[in-house]
Amino acid sequence: MYEYLIGTITTAQPDAIIIEVGGVGYRVQVANPYSFEMNHPNVKVFIYQAVRDDDISLFGFHSSDEKRLFQKLLNVSGIGPKSALAILANPDHAGLVEAIANNNVGYITKFPGIGKKTASRIIIELQDKVDSLLPTFDLQQETMNVPQADQVNTELADALAALKALGYPEKDVKKVKRALLKENSLSTDQYLRRGLSLLS
């Protein structure tokens, strides 16, 4: 089982990154591919390895606490890796933990594929298991590094593709696109964060 990989992220796709370690490229599914630093030789990505009969998949995270939150979400009945990543794509992890702690079903149902029944299940099963993560996520929210912006059209297109990969309906993505077109030059990560904010 992998704990983390340290290497160079060579490619960002709508739903994954390729990290090269020792000459081997690993495809790692992540919540926000554009939040990772590209082409830096020592990027650390925490890894969760999922093994099924016909597939081995890697999921990546910025921190061990983000990975732990992902694993806690997977333990909830009805939540698979794609749904968990879609929830974690919203960078306000502290807000998610607070919503779970405060029984805020409405906050959780804003994520794609999460209805009231599943949101209630997340709260019931995790309410007493996530409080310890809140201080860490508050600090990460304040210190998270945001990449520089330089290619507006490409960056926006990549962000919209990432929203679709997370499971948001085409009609919702189109609405968000109209709003994002009014924004000044942003990085893909910034467009994606803004889009997620508008969708929630």
Protein backbone atom coordinates (compact mmCIF):
# COMPACT_ATOMS: atom_id res chain seq x y z
CA MET A 1 0.00 0.00 0.00
CA TYR A 2 1.36 3.43 -0.96
CA GLU A 3 1.49 6.22 1.63
CA TYR A 4 2.73 8.97 -0.68
CA LEU A 5 4.68 9.62 -3.87
CA ILE A 6 7.33 12.30 -4.35
CA GLY A 7 8.05 13.23 -7.94
CA THR A 8 7.28 15.54 -10.85
CA ILE A 9 3.70 16.17 -11.96
CA THR A 10 4.01 16.17 -15.74
CA THR A 11 0.35 16.27 -16.79
CA ALA A 12 -2.95 17.54 -15.40
CA GLN A 13 -6.14 16.01 -16.82
CA PRO A 14 -9.73 16.94 -15.88
CA ASP A 15 -9.88 14.17 -13.28
CA ALA A 16 -6.28 13.13 -12.65
CA ILE A 17 -2.59 13.98 -12.60
CA ILE A 18 0.38 12.04 -13.92
CA ILE A 19 3.25 12.04 -11.45
CA GLU A 20 6.61 10.71 -12.61
CA VAL A 21 8.62 8.92 -9.94
CA GLY A 22 11.89 7.22 -10.84
CA GLY A 23 11.05 7.17 -14.54
CA VAL A 24 7.58 5.69 -13.98
CA GLY A 25 4.41 7.73 -14.58
CA TYR A 26 1.58 7.07 -12.14
CA ARG A 27 -1.96 8.14 -13.00
CA VAL A 28 -3.52 9.49 -9.82
CA GLN A 29 -7.15 10.57 -9.61
CA VAL A 30 -7.55 13.77 -7.61
CA ALA A 31 -10.32 16.20 -6.66
CA ASN A 32 -8.65 19.24 -8.26
CA PRO A 33 -5.79 18.40 -10.65
CA TYR A 34 -4.95 22.06 -11.18
CA SER A 35 -4.20 22.75 -7.52
CA PHE A 36 -0.97 20.73 -7.73
CA GLU A 37 2.33 22.33 -8.70
CA MET A 38 3.35 21.32 -12.22
CA ASN A 39 6.87 20.37 -13.33
CA HIS A 40 8.43 20.75 -9.89
CA PRO A 41 10.83 17.88 -9.11
CA ASN A 42 9.73 17.20 -5.52
CA VAL A 43 5.95 17.36 -5.25
CA LYS A 44 4.56 15.17 -2.48
CA VAL A 45 1.19 13.55 -3.15
CA PHE A 46 -0.46 11.42 -0.47
CA ILE A 47 -1.91 8.25 -1.99
CA TYR A 48 -4.87 6.00 -1.36
CA GLN A 49 -4.79 2.75 -3.34
CA ALA A 50 -8.11 1.10 -4.19
CA VAL A 51 -7.97 -2.53 -5.32
CA ARG A 52 -10.89 -4.29 -6.97
CA ASP A 53 -11.13 -7.56 -8.89
CA ASP A 54 -10.59 -5.88 -12.26
CA ASP A 55 -8.91 -2.59 -11.35
CA ILE A 56 -6.23 -0.92 -9.24
CA SER A 57 -6.69 2.84 -8.87
CA LEU A 58 -4.65 5.52 -7.12
CA PHE A 59 -6.23 8.59 -5.51
CA GLY A 60 -4.13 11.58 -4.50
CA PHE A 61 -4.30 14.31 -1.85
CA HIS A 62 -2.38 17.37 -0.70
CA SER A 63 -2.16 16.21 2.90
CA SER A 64 -2.56 13.16 5.10
CA ASP A 65 -5.61 14.80 6.74
CA GLU A 66 -7.31 15.26 3.36
CA LYS A 67 -6.61 11.59 2.68
CA ARG A 68 -8.10 10.65 6.06
CA LEU A 69 -11.26 12.63 5.29
CA PHE A 70 -11.52 10.83 1.94
CA GLN A 71 -11.23 7.47 3.70
CA LYS A 72 -13.88 8.46 6.23
CA LEU A 73 -16.23 9.41 3.39
CA LEU A 74 -15.59 6.05 1.71
CA ASN A 75 -16.71 4.30 4.89
CA VAL A 76 -20.16 5.85 4.52
CA SER A 77 -22.60 3.51 2.80
CA GLY A 78 -23.40 4.76 -0.69
CA ILE A 79 -20.27 6.92 -1.07
CA GLY A 80 -17.76 5.73 -3.66
CA PRO A 81 -14.41 7.24 -4.68
CA LYS A 82 -15.92 9.51 -7.36
CA SER A 83 -18.49 10.97 -4.96
CA ALA A 84 -15.85 11.44 -2.26
CA LEU A 85 -13.57 13.28 -4.69
CA ALA A 86 -16.45 15.47 -5.84
CA ILE A 87 -17.07 16.45 -2.22
CA LEU A 88 -13.39 17.15 -1.60
CA ALA A 89 -13.12 19.24 -4.79
CA ASN A 90 -14.64 22.11 -2.84
CA PRO A 91 -11.55 23.54 -1.11
CA ASP A 92 -13.51 24.53 2.00
CA HIS A 93 -12.88 21.29 3.87
CA ALA A 94 -13.31 23.13 7.15
CA GLY A 95 -16.80 24.10 5.99
CA LEU A 96 -17.58 20.47 5.20
CA VAL A 97 -16.43 19.31 8.62
CA GLU A 98 -18.49 22.06 10.27
CA ALA A 99 -21.55 21.08 8.19
CA ILE A 100 -21.20 17.48 9.36
CA ALA A 101 -20.71 18.55 12.98
CA ASN A 102 -23.68 20.95 12.86
CA ASN A 103 -26.10 18.61 11.07
CA ASN A 104 -26.26 20.90 8.01
CA VAL A 105 -27.88 18.61 5.43
CA GLY A 106 -28.45 21.46 2.95
CA TYR A 107 -24.72 22.19 2.67
CA ILE A 108 -23.89 18.57 1.83
CA THR A 109 -26.69 18.08 -0.72
CA LYS A 110 -25.09 20.76 -2.92
CA PHE A 111 -22.43 18.28 -4.00
CA PRO A 112 -23.15 16.31 -7.22
CA GLY A 113 -24.92 13.00 -6.69
CA ILE A 114 -25.59 13.64 -2.98
CA GLY A 115 -29.25 13.64 -2.00
CA LYS A 116 -30.82 14.26 1.40
CA LYS A 117 -30.72 10.59 2.34
CA THR A 118 -27.01 10.25 1.60
CA ALA A 119 -26.23 13.61 3.23
CA SER A 120 -28.03 12.51 6.39
CA ARG A 121 -26.10 9.24 6.35
CA ILE A 122 -22.79 11.15 6.06
CA ILE A 123 -23.73 13.25 9.08
CA ILE A 124 -24.91 10.32 11.17
CA GLU A 125 -21.87 8.16 10.43
CA LEU A 126 -19.19 10.86 10.62
CA GLN A 127 -20.47 13.44 13.10
CA ASP A 128 -18.27 12.17 15.95
CA LYS A 129 -15.28 11.31 13.73
CA VAL A 130 -14.25 14.54 11.98
CA ASP A 131 -13.92 17.22 14.68
CA SER A 132 -10.19 16.55 15.09
CA LEU A 133 -9.59 17.56 11.44
CA LEU A 134 -11.14 21.03 11.71
CA PRO A 135 -8.10 23.00 13.03
CA THR A 136 -5.88 21.48 10.36
CA PHE A 137 -8.25 22.35 7.53
CA ASP A 138 -8.69 25.91 8.81
CA LEU A 139 -4.90 26.38 8.65
CA GLN A 140 -4.64 24.81 5.19
CA GLN A 141 -7.36 27.12 3.89
CA GLU A 142 -5.34 30.15 5.00
CA THR A 143 -1.99 29.00 3.62
CA MET A 144 -2.90 27.15 0.40
CA ASN A 145 -0.66 28.16 -2.51
CA VAL A 146 -2.47 29.41 -5.63
CA PRO A 147 -0.65 29.12 -9.01
CA GLN A 148 -0.08 32.11 -11.26
CA ALA A 149 -2.56 32.73 -14.08
CA ASP A 150 -1.53 33.26 -17.68
CA GLN A 151 -3.79 31.41 -20.16
CA VAL A 152 -7.40 32.46 -19.64
CA ASN A 153 -9.20 30.47 -22.36
CA THR A 154 -7.29 27.24 -21.82
CA GLU A 155 -7.48 27.60 -18.05
CA LEU A 156 -11.26 28.16 -18.13
CA ALA A 157 -11.82 25.25 -20.51
CA ASP A 158 -9.79 22.94 -18.25
CA ALA A 159 -11.74 24.10 -15.19
CA LEU A 160 -15.09 23.44 -16.91
CA ALA A 161 -13.89 19.99 -17.99
CA ALA A 162 -12.90 19.28 -14.38
CA LEU A 163 -16.39 20.27 -13.17
CA LYS A 164 -17.94 17.84 -15.66
CA ALA A 165 -15.51 15.11 -14.55
CA LEU A 166 -16.67 15.66 -10.96
CA GLY A 167 -20.24 14.88 -12.02
CA TYR A 168 -21.88 18.29 -12.28
CA PRO A 169 -24.65 18.37 -14.95
CA GLU A 170 -23.94 20.04 -18.29
CA LYS A 171 -26.67 22.64 -17.75
CA ASP A 172 -25.13 23.71 -14.43
CA VAL A 173 -21.65 23.91 -15.94
CA LYS A 174 -22.98 26.14 -18.74
CA LYS A 175 -24.50 28.52 -16.18
CA VAL A 176 -21.21 28.67 -14.31
CA LYS A 177 -19.34 29.27 -17.56
CA ARG A 178 -21.36 32.42 -18.23
CA ALA A 179 -20.43 33.77 -14.81
CA LEU A 180 -16.77 32.79 -15.10
CA LEU A 181 -16.42 34.49 -18.47
CA LYS A 182 -16.91 37.78 -16.62
CA GLU A 183 -13.90 37.09 -14.39
CA ASN A 184 -10.48 38.54 -15.15
CA SER A 185 -7.57 36.25 -15.98
CA LEU A 186 -7.48 33.40 -13.47
CA SER A 187 -5.56 30.16 -13.18
CA THR A 188 -7.38 26.88 -13.78
CA ASP A 189 -7.35 26.24 -10.05
CA GLN A 190 -8.89 29.66 -9.38
CA TYR A 191 -11.56 29.16 -12.06
CA LEU A 192 -12.38 25.74 -10.61
CA ARG A 193 -12.60 27.06 -7.05
CA ARG A 194 -14.83 29.92 -8.21
CA GLY A 195 -17.01 27.50 -10.18
CA LEU A 196 -17.38 25.20 -7.20
CA SER A 197 -18.32 28.19 -5.06
CA LEU A 198 -21.01 29.24 -7.54
CA LEU A 199 -22.39 25.70 -7.74
CA SER A 200 -22.68 25.46 -3.96
